[in-house]
């Protein structure tokens, strides 16, 4: 039978996961707010062109 407490003590995350996590947090990703702001700017430009 597994001793979960002992297994948890031995656990060490792989470096690949830590490196990926750092890369994800440091990357400037476009989020939904950025997309909505860009759509609003485009809509405003299009409405100004129609006038």
C-alpha atoms as a PDB file:
ATOM      1  CA  UNK A   1       0.000   0.000   0.000  1.00  0.00           C
ATOM      2  CA  UNK A   2       1.242   3.488  -0.798  1.00  0.00           C
ATOM      3  CA  UNK A   3       2.223   5.840   1.969  1.00  0.00           C
ATOM      4  CA  UNK A   4       0.997   9.130   0.513  1.00  0.00           C
ATOM      5  CA  UNK A   5       2.689  11.260   3.161  1.00  0.00           C
ATOM      6  CA  UNK A   6       6.088   9.752   2.299  1.00  0.00           C
ATOM      7  CA  UNK A   7       5.473  10.105  -1.422  1.00  0.00           C
ATOM      8  CA  UNK A   8       4.537  13.770  -1.004  1.00  0.00           C
ATOM      9  CA  UNK A   9       7.740  14.416   0.937  1.00  0.00           C
ATOM     10  CA  UNK A  10       9.771  12.985  -1.970  1.00  0.00           C
ATOM     11  CA  UNK A  11       7.919  14.978  -4.626  1.00  0.00           C
ATOM     12  CA  UNK A  12       9.949  17.528  -6.584  1.00  0.00           C
ATOM     13  CA  UNK A  13       8.439  19.256  -9.620  1.00  0.00           C
ATOM     14  CA  UNK A  14      10.372  18.782 -12.818  1.00  0.00           C
ATOM     15  CA  UNK A  15      12.417  21.708 -14.053  1.00  0.00           C
ATOM     16  CA  UNK A  16      10.492  21.680 -17.309  1.00  0.00           C
ATOM     17  CA  UNK A  17       7.268  22.523 -15.510  1.00  0.00           C
ATOM     18  CA  UNK A  18       8.921  25.313 -13.530  1.00  0.00           C
ATOM     19  CA  UNK A  19      10.488  26.749 -16.670  1.00  0.00           C
ATOM     20  CA  UNK A  20       7.186  26.593 -18.527  1.00  0.00           C
ATOM     21  CA  UNK A  21       5.386  28.274 -15.636  1.00  0.00           C
ATOM     22  CA  UNK A  22       7.918  31.114 -15.595  1.00  0.00           C
ATOM     23  CA  UNK A  23       7.638  31.572 -19.355  1.00  0.00           C
ATOM     24  CA  UNK A  24       3.836  31.680 -19.207  1.00  0.00           C
ATOM     25  CA  UNK A  25       3.766  34.256 -16.414  1.00  0.00           C
ATOM     26  CA  UNK A  26       6.417  36.448 -18.061  1.00  0.00           C
ATOM     27  CA  UNK A  27       4.813  36.471 -21.491  1.00  0.00           C
ATOM     28  CA  UNK A  28       2.649  39.431 -22.455  1.00  0.00           C
ATOM     29  CA  UNK A  29      -0.461  37.600 -23.609  1.00  0.00           C
ATOM     30  CA  UNK A  30      -3.498  39.148 -25.218  1.00  0.00           C
ATOM     31  CA  UNK A  31      -6.541  38.743 -23.024  1.00  0.00           C
ATOM     32  CA  UNK A  32     -10.234  39.365 -23.564  1.00  0.00           C
ATOM     33  CA  UNK A  33      -9.972  43.004 -22.458  1.00  0.00           C
ATOM     34  CA  UNK A  34      -7.265  43.660 -25.068  1.00  0.00           C
ATOM     35  CA  UNK A  35      -9.441  42.088 -27.757  1.00  0.00           C
ATOM     36  CA  UNK A  36     -12.478  44.139 -26.767  1.00  0.00           C
ATOM     37  CA  UNK A  37     -10.455  47.378 -26.758  1.00  0.00           C
ATOM     38  CA  UNK A  38      -9.112  46.623 -30.233  1.00  0.00           C
ATOM     39  CA  UNK A  39     -12.626  45.850 -31.499  1.00  0.00           C
ATOM     40  CA  UNK A  40     -13.904  49.158 -30.072  1.00  0.00           C
ATOM     41  CA  UNK A  41     -11.079  51.101 -31.767  1.00  0.00           C
ATOM     42  CA  UNK A  42     -11.801  49.381 -35.074  1.00  0.00           C
ATOM     43  CA  UNK A  43     -15.533  50.060 -34.787  1.00  0.00           C
ATOM     44  CA  UNK A  44     -14.817  53.726 -34.062  1.00  0.00           C
ATOM     45  CA  UNK A  45     -12.486  53.983 -37.069  1.00  0.00           C
ATOM     46  CA  UNK A  46     -15.099  52.348 -39.293  1.00  0.00           C
ATOM     47  CA  UNK A  47     -17.857  54.661 -38.081  1.00  0.00           C
ATOM     48  CA  UNK A  48     -15.651  57.723 -38.720  1.00  0.00           C
ATOM     49  CA  UNK A  49     -14.980  56.514 -42.259  1.00  0.00           C
ATOM     50  CA  UNK A  50     -18.704  56.281 -42.990  1.00  0.00           C
ATOM     51  CA  UNK A  51     -19.225  59.977 -42.234  1.00  0.00           C
END
